Structure formats: C-alpha cells, structure tokens
C-alpha cells in the first residue's frame, strides 16, 4: 500500500512536468502574469479530474487482470506502444505562439478557475488511455501489484503529486522569472520524450521476453 502511494505521488508529480498540455500552459501563463492564486485553483481542478481518471484506470485494469490473467501480456504491449507514441509526440513537439508575456490575463473567479481546470482535464478522455498504459507498464515491472483496494490511495497520491508539482512550478516562476528561455523549455520537453521512448523500449523488450 505504501509503495502504491509513493508511486502514485511520483506519477502525478513527474507526469505533470512536461509543459505541453493545456493545464500546464495555463498555469504557467497565469504564473508569469502574477496570478498564482488562480493558477493554483486551475491546477487543483485539473488534479481532481486526473485523479479520477487514474482511479478509473487503476480500478478497471486491476479488475480485468484479476479476472482475465491472459490479458497481461497484451496490456504490456499496449502500454509500451502508447508510451512510445507519447514519447515520439514529445520529441516532435513544436512550440505554439502565445500572447506576449506582458499582456495581462483576464481575471477569473475561484469557482471558474477550479471548474475550468477540471473541465480542461475531464474533457480529455485520452488521459484514461494514458493512465491505463502507464499502469500496465508499472504492473509489468512488478513494483506494484494492481488490486482494487489500492486504487483510492493511489489516486489520492496522484492528486497530491500533481498539486505539488504545479506549486513547485509556480514557486520556480516567481523565483526565476526572466531567466526562462523558450529554447530551454523545448529541450526539456524533448528530453522527456526521449526518456519515454527509452522506457517504452525497456517495457516492450520485457513483454517480448516474458
């Protein structure tokens, strides 16, 4: 149980690092425009929705693997392929132009920020596929055994991990604003893509050997 919580926190924290998604871009933009309060609410709303997706993926995959053990090899292959595709997408990422850094964002209410962050994430059903693939890869390592009773603690840890990363991001923005380079962010995203491609290769190899 403790391992599942720690892994859930790590998944939430590290998985939120790439700034290619709409939530990350919005939080970053609000932070750069001195609106950390609403940025946090957007992050919390998104974390709630993604925590629910991780809960559904963990619960569903653990139930399927428990009832149909023969699905495990296929789930490993699917997880490896999806991880590979995501890595390639990040490697081929191209930055999109945004508004000038000095242009102020329109202020939003607390409820609108929470709801906006929640809907931005909840209306992206591919996250369920992403979480299912990530959990299939995790199960393939043998580090965590997927079981229904671990689903809720795992999802709560994912939520905490996501909020912790965006809180860290906002602190970094406040602390080092002006030193951020679009090129460095681009290299960071590509680096994450390379890591995902490498991880997919390892999981795929283990699936084929196993």
N, C-alpha and C. Protein backbone atom coordinates (compact mmCIF):
# COMPACT_ATOMS: atom_id res chain seq x y z
N UNK A 1 0.82 -1.21 0.00
CA UNK A 1 0.00 0.00 0.00
C UNK A 1 0.86 1.26 0.00
N UNK A 2 1.91 1.27 0.84
CA UNK A 2 2.79 2.42 0.92
C UNK A 2 3.50 2.64 -0.42
N UNK A 3 3.93 1.54 -1.03
CA UNK A 3 4.61 1.64 -2.33
C UNK A 3 3.66 2.22 -3.37
N UNK A 4 2.40 1.79 -3.35
CA UNK A 4 1.41 2.30 -4.30
C UNK A 4 1.22 3.80 -4.12
N UNK A 5 1.19 4.26 -2.87
CA UNK A 5 1.03 5.69 -2.59
C UNK A 5 2.24 6.47 -3.09
N UNK A 6 3.44 5.97 -2.81
CA UNK A 6 4.66 6.65 -3.25
C UNK A 6 4.75 6.70 -4.77
N UNK A 7 4.40 5.59 -5.41
CA UNK A 7 4.44 5.56 -6.88
C UNK A 7 3.38 6.49 -7.45
N UNK A 8 2.19 6.51 -6.83
CA UNK A 8 1.14 7.41 -7.29
C UNK A 8 1.57 8.87 -7.21
N UNK A 9 2.22 9.23 -6.10
CA UNK A 9 2.72 10.61 -5.96
C UNK A 9 3.77 10.91 -7.03
N UNK A 10 4.68 9.96 -7.25
CA UNK A 10 5.73 10.16 -8.25
C UNK A 10 5.13 10.29 -9.64
N UNK A 11 4.13 9.46 -9.96
CA UNK A 11 3.48 9.53 -11.27
C UNK A 11 2.81 10.89 -11.45
N UNK A 12 2.11 11.35 -10.41
CA UNK A 12 1.43 12.64 -10.51
C UNK A 12 2.41 13.79 -10.64
N UNK A 13 3.47 13.75 -9.84
CA UNK A 13 4.46 14.84 -9.83
C UNK A 13 5.25 14.89 -11.13
N UNK A 14 5.85 13.75 -11.48
CA UNK A 14 6.72 13.71 -12.67
C UNK A 14 5.89 13.80 -13.95
N UNK A 15 4.73 13.15 -13.96
CA UNK A 15 3.90 13.16 -15.16
C UNK A 15 3.36 14.53 -15.51
N UNK A 16 3.33 15.45 -14.54
CA UNK A 16 2.83 16.80 -14.80
C UNK A 16 3.93 17.76 -15.25
N UNK A 17 5.17 17.30 -15.28
CA UNK A 17 6.28 18.19 -15.58
C UNK A 17 6.27 18.73 -17.01
N UNK A 18 6.04 17.91 -18.05
CA UNK A 18 6.06 18.47 -19.41
C UNK A 18 5.02 19.58 -19.55
N UNK A 19 5.43 20.71 -20.12
CA UNK A 19 4.53 21.87 -20.22
C UNK A 19 3.86 21.91 -21.59
N UNK A 20 3.52 20.73 -22.12
CA UNK A 20 2.88 20.66 -23.43
C UNK A 20 1.37 20.63 -23.34
N UNK A 21 0.82 20.29 -22.16
CA UNK A 21 -0.63 20.16 -22.02
C UNK A 21 -1.31 21.48 -21.73
N UNK A 22 -2.64 21.55 -21.94
CA UNK A 22 -3.37 22.81 -21.71
C UNK A 22 -3.33 23.30 -20.27
N UNK A 23 -3.42 22.38 -19.30
CA UNK A 23 -3.37 22.79 -17.90
C UNK A 23 -2.02 23.40 -17.57
N UNK A 24 -0.94 22.72 -17.98
CA UNK A 24 0.41 23.21 -17.69
C UNK A 24 0.64 24.58 -18.33
N UNK A 25 0.20 24.73 -19.58
CA UNK A 25 0.38 26.00 -20.27
C UNK A 25 -0.41 27.12 -19.58
N UNK A 26 -1.63 26.81 -19.15
CA UNK A 26 -2.46 27.82 -18.50
C UNK A 26 -1.88 28.21 -17.14
N UNK A 27 -1.46 27.22 -16.36
CA UNK A 27 -0.85 27.50 -15.06
C UNK A 27 0.41 28.33 -15.23
N UNK A 28 1.23 27.95 -16.20
CA UNK A 28 2.47 28.68 -16.45
C UNK A 28 2.18 30.12 -16.87
N UNK A 29 1.20 30.29 -17.75
CA UNK A 29 0.87 31.63 -18.24
C UNK A 29 0.33 32.50 -17.10
N UNK A 30 -0.54 31.95 -16.27
CA UNK A 30 -1.07 32.71 -15.14
C UNK A 30 0.05 33.07 -14.17
N UNK A 31 0.97 32.12 -13.95
CA UNK A 31 2.09 32.40 -13.05
C UNK A 31 2.97 33.52 -13.56
N UNK A 32 3.23 33.51 -14.86
CA UNK A 32 4.06 34.56 -15.46
C UNK A 32 3.37 35.91 -15.44
N UNK A 33 2.03 35.90 -15.33
CA UNK A 33 1.28 37.14 -15.28
C UNK A 33 0.85 37.49 -13.85
N UNK A 34 1.59 36.98 -12.88
CA UNK A 34 1.41 37.33 -11.47
C UNK A 34 0.01 36.98 -10.95
N UNK A 35 -0.52 35.85 -11.38
CA UNK A 35 -1.83 35.41 -10.90
C UNK A 35 -1.70 33.99 -10.35
N UNK A 36 -0.81 33.82 -9.38
CA UNK A 36 -0.54 32.49 -8.83
C UNK A 36 -1.76 31.91 -8.14
N UNK A 37 -2.61 32.76 -7.57
CA UNK A 37 -3.79 32.26 -6.86
C UNK A 37 -4.71 31.48 -7.78
N UNK A 38 -5.08 32.09 -8.90
CA UNK A 38 -5.96 31.39 -9.83
C UNK A 38 -5.23 30.26 -10.54
N UNK A 39 -3.93 30.37 -10.71
CA UNK A 39 -3.16 29.28 -11.30
C UNK A 39 -3.26 28.03 -10.43
N UNK A 40 -3.20 28.23 -9.11
CA UNK A 40 -3.31 27.08 -8.20
C UNK A 40 -4.69 26.45 -8.28
N UNK A 41 -5.73 27.28 -8.39
CA UNK A 41 -7.08 26.72 -8.49
C UNK A 41 -7.26 25.94 -9.78
N UNK A 42 -6.70 26.43 -10.87
CA UNK A 42 -6.74 25.70 -12.15
C UNK A 42 -6.05 24.35 -11.99
N UNK A 43 -4.87 24.37 -11.33
CA UNK A 43 -4.11 23.13 -11.11
C UNK A 43 -4.89 22.15 -10.25
N UNK A 44 -5.55 22.65 -9.20
CA UNK A 44 -6.32 21.77 -8.32
C UNK A 44 -7.50 21.15 -9.08
N UNK A 45 -8.20 21.97 -9.87
CA UNK A 45 -9.31 21.43 -10.67
C UNK A 45 -8.84 20.35 -11.63
N UNK A 46 -7.72 20.61 -12.30
CA UNK A 46 -7.17 19.60 -13.20
C UNK A 46 -6.72 18.35 -12.47
N UNK A 47 -6.15 18.53 -11.27
CA UNK A 47 -5.67 17.39 -10.49
C UNK A 47 -6.82 16.50 -10.03
N UNK A 48 -7.97 17.12 -9.71
CA UNK A 48 -9.14 16.33 -9.32
C UNK A 48 -9.59 15.43 -10.47
N UNK A 49 -9.69 16.02 -11.66
CA UNK A 49 -10.13 15.25 -12.82
C UNK A 49 -9.13 14.15 -13.17
N UNK A 50 -7.84 14.48 -13.13
CA UNK A 50 -6.85 13.47 -13.49
C UNK A 50 -6.76 12.38 -12.42
N UNK A 51 -6.98 12.77 -11.15
CA UNK A 51 -7.03 11.77 -10.09
C UNK A 51 -8.16 10.78 -10.32
N UNK A 52 -9.31 11.28 -10.79
CA UNK A 52 -10.44 10.40 -11.09
C UNK A 52 -10.12 9.48 -12.26
N UNK A 53 -9.43 10.00 -13.26
CA UNK A 53 -9.02 9.16 -14.39
C UNK A 53 -8.06 8.06 -13.93
N UNK A 54 -7.11 8.43 -13.06
CA UNK A 54 -6.16 7.43 -12.57
C UNK A 54 -6.87 6.38 -11.71
N UNK A 55 -7.89 6.82 -10.95
CA UNK A 55 -8.68 5.88 -10.14
C UNK A 55 -9.42 4.90 -11.05
N UNK A 56 -10.06 5.41 -12.09
CA UNK A 56 -10.80 4.54 -13.02
C UNK A 56 -9.86 3.56 -13.71
N UNK A 57 -8.68 4.06 -14.12
CA UNK A 57 -7.72 3.19 -14.81
C UNK A 57 -7.18 2.11 -13.88
N UNK A 58 -6.82 2.51 -12.66
CA UNK A 58 -6.26 1.56 -11.69
C UNK A 58 -7.30 0.50 -11.34
N UNK A 59 -8.51 0.95 -11.01
CA UNK A 59 -9.58 0.03 -10.61
C UNK A 59 -9.94 -0.90 -11.77
N UNK A 60 -10.13 -0.31 -12.94
CA UNK A 60 -10.54 -1.12 -14.08
C UNK A 60 -9.49 -2.12 -14.51
N UNK A 61 -8.24 -1.68 -14.59
CA UNK A 61 -7.17 -2.57 -15.03
C UNK A 61 -6.92 -3.68 -14.02
N UNK A 62 -6.97 -3.32 -12.73
CA UNK A 62 -6.75 -4.34 -11.70
C UNK A 62 -7.85 -5.40 -11.73
N UNK A 63 -9.09 -4.97 -11.98
CA UNK A 63 -10.21 -5.92 -12.06
C UNK A 63 -10.07 -6.83 -13.27
N UNK A 64 -9.71 -6.25 -14.41
CA UNK A 64 -9.54 -7.03 -15.64
C UNK A 64 -8.41 -8.05 -15.49
N UNK A 65 -7.27 -7.61 -14.92
CA UNK A 65 -6.13 -8.52 -14.77
C UNK A 65 -6.44 -9.62 -13.78
N UNK A 66 -7.26 -9.30 -12.77
CA UNK A 66 -7.61 -10.31 -11.76
C UNK A 66 -8.53 -11.37 -12.35
N UNK A 67 -9.45 -10.95 -13.21
CA UNK A 67 -10.42 -11.89 -13.77
C UNK A 67 -9.90 -12.57 -15.04
N UNK A 68 -9.01 -11.87 -15.75
CA UNK A 68 -8.50 -12.40 -17.03
C UNK A 68 -6.97 -12.26 -17.08
N UNK A 69 -6.25 -13.14 -16.40
CA UNK A 69 -4.78 -13.03 -16.35
C UNK A 69 -4.12 -13.05 -17.73
N UNK A 70 -4.77 -13.66 -18.71
CA UNK A 70 -4.16 -13.75 -20.04
C UNK A 70 -4.08 -12.39 -20.73
N UNK A 71 -4.79 -11.41 -20.17
CA UNK A 71 -4.77 -10.07 -20.77
C UNK A 71 -3.45 -9.36 -20.48
N UNK A 72 -2.72 -9.82 -19.44
CA UNK A 72 -1.49 -9.14 -19.00
C UNK A 72 -0.47 -8.95 -20.12
N UNK A 73 -0.11 -10.01 -20.89
CA UNK A 73 0.88 -9.78 -21.97
C UNK A 73 0.42 -8.72 -22.97
N UNK A 74 -0.86 -8.76 -23.33
CA UNK A 74 -1.38 -7.76 -24.28
C UNK A 74 -1.33 -6.37 -23.68
N UNK A 75 -1.65 -6.25 -22.37
CA UNK A 75 -1.64 -4.93 -21.73
C UNK A 75 -0.24 -4.36 -21.70
N UNK A 76 0.75 -5.22 -21.54
CA UNK A 76 2.14 -4.75 -21.55
C UNK A 76 2.51 -4.20 -22.92
N UNK A 77 2.10 -4.92 -23.97
CA UNK A 77 2.41 -4.45 -25.32
C UNK A 77 1.71 -3.13 -25.63
N UNK A 78 0.43 -3.03 -25.25
CA UNK A 78 -0.31 -1.80 -25.48
C UNK A 78 0.32 -0.64 -24.71
N UNK A 79 0.68 -0.90 -23.46
CA UNK A 79 1.32 0.13 -22.65
C UNK A 79 2.62 0.60 -23.26
N UNK A 80 3.43 -0.33 -23.77
CA UNK A 80 4.71 0.03 -24.37
C UNK A 80 4.50 0.85 -25.64
N UNK A 81 3.52 0.44 -26.46
CA UNK A 81 3.27 1.15 -27.72
C UNK A 81 2.78 2.58 -27.45
N UNK A 82 1.84 2.73 -26.51
CA UNK A 82 1.32 4.05 -26.20
C UNK A 82 2.40 4.95 -25.60
N UNK A 83 3.23 4.37 -24.77
CA UNK A 83 4.35 5.12 -24.19
C UNK A 83 5.29 5.58 -25.29
N UNK A 84 5.53 4.70 -26.26
CA UNK A 84 6.40 5.04 -27.39
C UNK A 84 5.80 6.17 -28.23
N UNK A 85 4.50 6.08 -28.49
CA UNK A 85 3.83 7.12 -29.28
C UNK A 85 3.90 8.47 -28.57
N UNK A 86 3.63 8.47 -27.26
CA UNK A 86 3.69 9.71 -26.50
C UNK A 86 5.09 10.30 -26.52
N UNK A 87 6.10 9.44 -26.40
CA UNK A 87 7.48 9.91 -26.45
C UNK A 87 7.82 10.54 -27.79
N UNK A 88 7.36 9.91 -28.87
CA UNK A 88 7.62 10.45 -30.21
C UNK A 88 6.92 11.80 -30.39
N UNK A 89 5.68 11.90 -29.86
CA UNK A 89 4.94 13.16 -29.95
C UNK A 89 5.71 14.28 -29.26
N UNK A 90 6.27 13.99 -28.09
CA UNK A 90 7.05 15.00 -27.37
C UNK A 90 8.34 15.33 -28.10
N UNK A 91 8.97 14.32 -28.70
CA UNK A 91 10.20 14.58 -29.45
C UNK A 91 9.94 15.47 -30.67
N UNK A 92 8.76 15.34 -31.27
CA UNK A 92 8.42 16.13 -32.45
C UNK A 92 7.66 17.40 -32.11
N UNK A 93 7.56 17.71 -30.80
CA UNK A 93 6.80 18.87 -30.35
C UNK A 93 7.35 20.16 -30.92
N UNK A 94 6.45 21.03 -31.32
CA UNK A 94 6.81 22.36 -31.78
C UNK A 94 6.06 23.39 -30.95
N UNK A 95 6.74 24.39 -30.44
CA UNK A 95 6.06 25.38 -29.59
C UNK A 95 5.01 26.17 -30.36
N UNK A 96 3.92 26.48 -29.68
CA UNK A 96 2.86 27.28 -30.29
C UNK A 96 2.97 28.72 -29.78
N UNK A 97 2.77 29.68 -30.66
CA UNK A 97 2.86 31.07 -30.21
C UNK A 97 1.75 31.41 -29.23
N UNK A 98 2.07 32.17 -28.24
CA UNK A 98 1.09 32.60 -27.25
C UNK A 98 1.09 34.10 -27.16
N UNK A 99 0.27 34.68 -26.26
CA UNK A 99 0.23 36.12 -26.12
C UNK A 99 1.52 36.63 -25.53
N UNK A 100 1.86 37.90 -25.74
CA UNK A 100 3.08 38.46 -25.16
C UNK A 100 3.10 38.31 -23.66
N UNK A 101 4.29 38.03 -23.05
CA UNK A 101 4.37 37.83 -21.60
C UNK A 101 3.81 38.98 -20.80
N UNK A 102 3.89 40.19 -21.32
CA UNK A 102 3.42 41.33 -20.56
C UNK A 102 1.93 41.57 -20.64
N UNK A 103 1.24 40.83 -21.50
CA UNK A 103 -0.19 41.01 -21.67
C UNK A 103 -0.93 40.37 -20.51
N UNK A 104 -1.70 41.12 -19.74
CA UNK A 104 -2.35 40.57 -18.56
C UNK A 104 -3.48 39.61 -18.93
N UNK A 105 -3.64 38.57 -18.10
CA UNK A 105 -4.75 37.64 -18.30
C UNK A 105 -6.02 38.22 -17.67
N UNK A 106 -7.16 37.88 -18.27
CA UNK A 106 -8.42 38.32 -17.69
C UNK A 106 -8.67 37.56 -16.40
N UNK A 107 -8.94 38.27 -15.34
CA UNK A 107 -9.10 37.65 -14.03
C UNK A 107 -10.36 36.79 -14.00
N UNK A 108 -10.25 35.68 -13.32
CA UNK A 108 -11.38 34.78 -13.20
C UNK A 108 -11.68 34.54 -11.72
N UNK A 109 -12.93 34.16 -11.45
CA UNK A 109 -13.30 33.83 -10.10
C UNK A 109 -12.73 32.49 -9.69
N UNK A 110 -12.74 32.23 -8.38
CA UNK A 110 -12.21 30.98 -7.85
C UNK A 110 -12.94 29.77 -8.42
N UNK A 111 -14.27 29.83 -8.42
CA UNK A 111 -15.05 28.69 -8.92
C UNK A 111 -14.81 28.47 -10.40
N UNK A 112 -14.70 29.56 -11.15
CA UNK A 112 -14.45 29.42 -12.59
C UNK A 112 -13.07 28.81 -12.85
N UNK A 113 -12.09 29.18 -12.04
CA UNK A 113 -10.75 28.62 -12.20
C UNK A 113 -10.75 27.13 -11.89
N UNK A 114 -11.40 26.75 -10.79
CA UNK A 114 -11.50 25.33 -10.43
C UNK A 114 -12.23 24.54 -11.51
N UNK A 115 -13.38 25.08 -11.94
CA UNK A 115 -14.18 24.39 -12.95
C UNK A 115 -13.44 24.33 -14.29
N UNK A 116 -12.76 25.44 -14.63
CA UNK A 116 -12.02 25.45 -15.89
C UNK A 116 -10.92 24.41 -15.90
N UNK A 117 -10.15 24.32 -14.81
CA UNK A 117 -9.10 23.32 -14.72
C UNK A 117 -9.65 21.91 -14.76
N UNK A 118 -10.80 21.70 -14.08
CA UNK A 118 -11.42 20.38 -14.06
C UNK A 118 -11.89 19.98 -15.45
N UNK A 119 -12.58 20.89 -16.14
CA UNK A 119 -13.14 20.57 -17.45
C UNK A 119 -12.05 20.39 -18.51
N UNK A 120 -10.99 21.20 -18.44
CA UNK A 120 -9.89 21.05 -19.40
C UNK A 120 -9.32 19.64 -19.35
N UNK A 121 -9.28 19.07 -18.16
CA UNK A 121 -8.74 17.71 -18.00
C UNK A 121 -9.81 16.65 -18.21
N UNK A 122 -11.00 16.87 -17.63
CA UNK A 122 -12.07 15.87 -17.71
C UNK A 122 -12.51 15.63 -19.15
N UNK A 123 -12.46 16.68 -20.00
CA UNK A 123 -12.90 16.55 -21.39
C UNK A 123 -11.80 16.01 -22.30
N UNK A 124 -10.78 15.44 -21.69
CA UNK A 124 -9.69 14.82 -22.46
C UNK A 124 -9.66 13.33 -22.13
N UNK A 125 -10.56 12.53 -22.73
CA UNK A 125 -10.67 11.11 -22.38
C UNK A 125 -9.42 10.30 -22.72
N UNK A 126 -8.52 10.86 -23.53
CA UNK A 126 -7.30 10.11 -23.84
C UNK A 126 -6.45 9.90 -22.58
N UNK A 127 -6.72 10.70 -21.54
CA UNK A 127 -5.98 10.52 -20.29
C UNK A 127 -6.27 9.16 -19.67
N UNK A 128 -7.49 8.65 -19.89
CA UNK A 128 -7.80 7.32 -19.37
C UNK A 128 -6.93 6.27 -20.05
N UNK A 129 -6.74 6.44 -21.36
CA UNK A 129 -5.87 5.52 -22.10
C UNK A 129 -4.43 5.68 -21.62
N UNK A 130 -4.01 6.93 -21.42
CA UNK A 130 -2.64 7.19 -20.96
C UNK A 130 -2.39 6.56 -19.61
N UNK A 131 -3.34 6.75 -18.67
CA UNK A 131 -3.16 6.17 -17.34
C UNK A 131 -3.21 4.64 -17.38
N UNK A 132 -4.07 4.10 -18.21
CA UNK A 132 -4.13 2.63 -18.34
C UNK A 132 -2.81 2.09 -18.86
N UNK A 133 -2.24 2.78 -19.85
CA UNK A 133 -0.96 2.36 -20.41
C UNK A 133 0.15 2.47 -19.37
N UNK A 134 0.16 3.58 -18.62
CA UNK A 134 1.20 3.78 -17.60
C UNK A 134 1.10 2.72 -16.51
N UNK A 135 -0.12 2.39 -16.11
CA UNK A 135 -0.30 1.39 -15.06
C UNK A 135 0.04 -0.01 -15.56
N UNK A 136 -0.25 -0.28 -16.83
CA UNK A 136 0.12 -1.57 -17.41
C UNK A 136 1.64 -1.71 -17.42
N UNK A 137 2.33 -0.63 -17.78
CA UNK A 137 3.79 -0.66 -17.76
C UNK A 137 4.31 -0.81 -16.33
N UNK A 138 3.66 -0.13 -15.38
CA UNK A 138 4.06 -0.25 -13.97
C UNK A 138 3.87 -1.67 -13.47
N UNK A 139 2.74 -2.27 -13.82
CA UNK A 139 2.47 -3.64 -13.39
C UNK A 139 3.49 -4.61 -13.99
N UNK A 140 3.93 -4.29 -15.20
CA UNK A 140 4.90 -5.16 -15.86
C UNK A 140 6.24 -5.18 -15.12
N UNK A 141 6.56 -4.08 -14.42
CA UNK A 141 7.82 -4.04 -13.68
C UNK A 141 7.78 -4.87 -12.40
N UNK A 142 6.57 -5.16 -11.91
CA UNK A 142 6.44 -5.91 -10.68
C UNK A 142 6.60 -5.06 -9.43
N UNK A 143 6.76 -3.75 -9.59
CA UNK A 143 6.96 -2.88 -8.44
C UNK A 143 5.69 -2.75 -7.60
N UNK A 144 4.55 -2.65 -8.28
CA UNK A 144 3.26 -2.52 -7.59
C UNK A 144 2.29 -3.52 -8.17
N UNK A 145 1.61 -4.26 -7.31
CA UNK A 145 0.57 -5.18 -7.74
C UNK A 145 -0.74 -4.44 -7.80
N UNK A 146 -1.39 -4.45 -8.95
CA UNK A 146 -2.65 -3.74 -9.10
C UNK A 146 -3.78 -4.52 -8.44
N UNK A 147 -4.45 -3.89 -7.50
CA UNK A 147 -5.59 -4.51 -6.82
C UNK A 147 -6.58 -3.40 -6.47
N UNK A 148 -7.89 -3.69 -6.47
CA UNK A 148 -8.91 -2.65 -6.23
C UNK A 148 -8.72 -1.87 -4.94
N UNK A 149 -8.24 -2.53 -3.88
CA UNK A 149 -8.11 -1.81 -2.60
C UNK A 149 -7.00 -0.76 -2.62
N UNK A 150 -6.10 -0.84 -3.58
CA UNK A 150 -5.04 0.15 -3.70
C UNK A 150 -5.42 1.32 -4.61
N UNK A 151 -6.56 1.23 -5.27
CA UNK A 151 -6.93 2.23 -6.28
C UNK A 151 -7.14 3.62 -5.67
N UNK A 152 -7.90 3.71 -4.57
CA UNK A 152 -8.20 5.02 -3.98
C UNK A 152 -6.94 5.68 -3.40
N UNK A 153 -6.12 4.96 -2.59
CA UNK A 153 -4.88 5.58 -2.11
C UNK A 153 -3.96 6.03 -3.25
N UNK A 154 -3.90 5.24 -4.30
CA UNK A 154 -3.07 5.60 -5.45
C UNK A 154 -3.58 6.89 -6.10
N UNK A 155 -4.90 6.97 -6.32
CA UNK A 155 -5.48 8.16 -6.96
C UNK A 155 -5.30 9.41 -6.10
N UNK A 156 -5.46 9.28 -4.79
CA UNK A 156 -5.25 10.42 -3.89
C UNK A 156 -3.80 10.89 -3.95
N UNK A 157 -2.88 9.93 -4.02
CA UNK A 157 -1.46 10.28 -4.11
C UNK A 157 -1.16 10.97 -5.44
N UNK A 158 -1.82 10.53 -6.51
CA UNK A 158 -1.66 11.18 -7.81
C UNK A 158 -2.11 12.64 -7.72
N UNK A 159 -3.26 12.87 -7.09
CA UNK A 159 -3.77 14.23 -6.91
C UNK A 159 -2.77 15.10 -6.15
N UNK A 160 -2.25 14.59 -5.06
CA UNK A 160 -1.28 15.34 -4.25
C UNK A 160 -0.02 15.62 -5.07
N UNK A 161 0.43 14.61 -5.83
CA UNK A 161 1.64 14.78 -6.64
C UNK A 161 1.48 15.86 -7.70
N UNK A 162 0.31 15.90 -8.34
CA UNK A 162 0.06 16.91 -9.37
C UNK A 162 0.05 18.31 -8.76
N UNK A 163 -0.66 18.47 -7.64
CA UNK A 163 -0.72 19.77 -6.98
C UNK A 163 0.67 20.18 -6.50
N UNK A 164 1.43 19.22 -5.99
CA UNK A 164 2.79 19.52 -5.52
C UNK A 164 3.68 20.02 -6.65
N UNK A 165 3.57 19.40 -7.84
CA UNK A 165 4.40 19.85 -8.96
C UNK A 165 4.03 21.27 -9.39
N UNK A 166 2.73 21.55 -9.54
CA UNK A 166 2.34 22.87 -10.00
C UNK A 166 2.66 23.95 -8.96
N UNK A 167 2.60 23.58 -7.68
CA UNK A 167 3.02 24.52 -6.64
C UNK A 167 4.52 24.80 -6.77
N UNK A 168 5.29 23.75 -7.05
CA UNK A 168 6.73 23.91 -7.27
C UNK A 168 6.99 24.76 -8.51
N UNK A 169 6.21 24.51 -9.59
CA UNK A 169 6.38 25.28 -10.83
C UNK A 169 6.12 26.76 -10.59
N UNK A 170 5.06 27.07 -9.85
CA UNK A 170 4.74 28.47 -9.58
C UNK A 170 5.82 29.13 -8.73
N UNK A 171 6.38 28.37 -7.79
CA UNK A 171 7.49 28.91 -6.98
C UNK A 171 8.70 29.20 -7.87
N UNK A 172 8.99 28.28 -8.80
CA UNK A 172 10.12 28.48 -9.70
C UNK A 172 9.90 29.69 -10.60
N UNK A 173 8.65 29.87 -11.06
CA UNK A 173 8.33 31.02 -11.91
C UNK A 173 8.56 32.31 -11.13
N UNK A 174 8.08 32.34 -9.89
CA UNK A 174 8.26 33.53 -9.07
C UNK A 174 9.73 33.78 -8.75
N UNK A 175 10.45 32.70 -8.53
CA UNK A 175 11.85 32.82 -8.11
C UNK A 175 12.78 33.16 -9.28
N UNK A 176 12.52 32.57 -10.44
CA UNK A 176 13.46 32.72 -11.55
C UNK A 176 12.83 33.37 -12.78
N UNK A 177 11.76 34.11 -12.60
CA UNK A 177 11.11 34.76 -13.73
C UNK A 177 12.11 35.69 -14.43
N UNK A 178 12.13 35.62 -15.75
CA UNK A 178 13.08 36.43 -16.52
C UNK A 178 14.25 35.61 -17.01
N UNK A 179 14.49 34.46 -16.35
CA UNK A 179 15.58 33.59 -16.78
C UNK A 179 15.09 32.44 -17.64
N UNK A 180 13.78 32.34 -17.80
CA UNK A 180 13.21 31.24 -18.59
C UNK A 180 13.46 31.48 -20.07
N UNK A 181 13.89 30.46 -20.74
CA UNK A 181 14.14 30.55 -22.18
C UNK A 181 13.23 29.57 -22.91
N UNK A 182 12.51 30.01 -23.95
CA UNK A 182 11.67 29.07 -24.72
C UNK A 182 12.46 27.88 -25.25
N UNK A 183 13.73 28.13 -25.60
CA UNK A 183 14.56 27.04 -26.11
C UNK A 183 14.82 25.99 -25.03
N UNK A 184 15.06 26.45 -23.80
CA UNK A 184 15.33 25.50 -22.71
C UNK A 184 14.09 24.68 -22.40
N UNK A 185 12.90 25.31 -22.45
CA UNK A 185 11.66 24.57 -22.23
C UNK A 185 11.46 23.52 -23.33
N UNK A 186 11.79 23.91 -24.56
CA UNK A 186 11.65 22.99 -25.70
C UNK A 186 12.58 21.79 -25.55
N UNK A 187 13.81 22.04 -25.13
CA UNK A 187 14.75 20.94 -24.91
C UNK A 187 14.29 20.03 -23.77
N UNK A 188 13.68 20.63 -22.76
CA UNK A 188 13.17 19.83 -21.64
C UNK A 188 12.08 18.88 -22.12
N UNK A 189 11.15 19.40 -22.93
CA UNK A 189 10.07 18.56 -23.46
C UNK A 189 10.63 17.42 -24.30
N UNK A 190 11.59 17.74 -25.16
CA UNK A 190 12.20 16.70 -26.00
C UNK A 190 12.95 15.68 -25.15
N UNK A 191 13.57 16.14 -24.06
CA UNK A 191 14.25 15.22 -23.15
C UNK A 191 13.28 14.24 -22.52
N UNK A 192 12.11 14.75 -22.11
CA UNK A 192 11.09 13.87 -21.55
C UNK A 192 10.62 12.87 -22.60
N UNK A 193 10.52 13.32 -23.86
CA UNK A 193 10.14 12.40 -24.93
C UNK A 193 11.14 11.29 -25.12
N UNK A 194 12.43 11.65 -25.05
CA UNK A 194 13.48 10.63 -25.18
C UNK A 194 13.41 9.62 -24.04
N UNK A 195 13.13 10.11 -22.84
CA UNK A 195 13.00 9.20 -21.68
C UNK A 195 11.84 8.24 -21.89
N UNK A 196 10.72 8.75 -22.38
CA UNK A 196 9.55 7.90 -22.62
C UNK A 196 9.82 6.85 -23.70
N UNK A 197 10.52 7.25 -24.75
CA UNK A 197 10.87 6.30 -25.80
C UNK A 197 11.77 5.19 -25.24
N UNK A 198 12.75 5.58 -24.43
CA UNK A 198 13.62 4.59 -23.80
C UNK A 198 12.86 3.65 -22.88
N UNK A 199 11.95 4.22 -22.07
CA UNK A 199 11.14 3.40 -21.16
C UNK A 199 10.25 2.44 -21.94
N UNK A 200 9.69 2.93 -23.05
CA UNK A 200 8.85 2.07 -23.89
C UNK A 200 9.66 0.91 -24.45
N UNK A 201 10.89 1.18 -24.84
CA UNK A 201 11.75 0.12 -25.36
C UNK A 201 12.03 -0.96 -24.32
N UNK A 202 12.27 -0.52 -23.08
CA UNK A 202 12.55 -1.48 -22.00
C UNK A 202 11.31 -2.34 -21.72
N UNK A 203 10.15 -1.69 -21.61
CA UNK A 203 8.91 -2.43 -21.33
C UNK A 203 8.57 -3.38 -22.48
N UNK A 204 8.76 -2.92 -23.71
CA UNK A 204 8.48 -3.76 -24.88
C UNK A 204 9.40 -4.98 -24.90
N UNK A 205 10.65 -4.77 -24.57
CA UNK A 205 11.60 -5.87 -24.54
C UNK A 205 11.21 -6.89 -23.48
N UNK A 206 10.83 -6.40 -22.30
CA UNK A 206 10.43 -7.30 -21.23
C UNK A 206 9.15 -8.07 -21.61
N UNK A 207 8.22 -7.38 -22.30
CA UNK A 207 6.99 -8.05 -22.71
C UNK A 207 7.26 -9.16 -23.72
N UNK A 208 8.20 -8.91 -24.64
CA UNK A 208 8.51 -9.91 -25.66
C UNK A 208 9.28 -11.08 -25.06
N UNK A 209 10.21 -10.78 -24.13
CA UNK A 209 10.99 -11.85 -23.49
C UNK A 209 10.13 -12.67 -22.57
N UNK A 210 9.26 -11.91 -21.77
CA UNK A 210 8.41 -12.60 -20.79
C UNK A 210 7.32 -13.40 -21.46
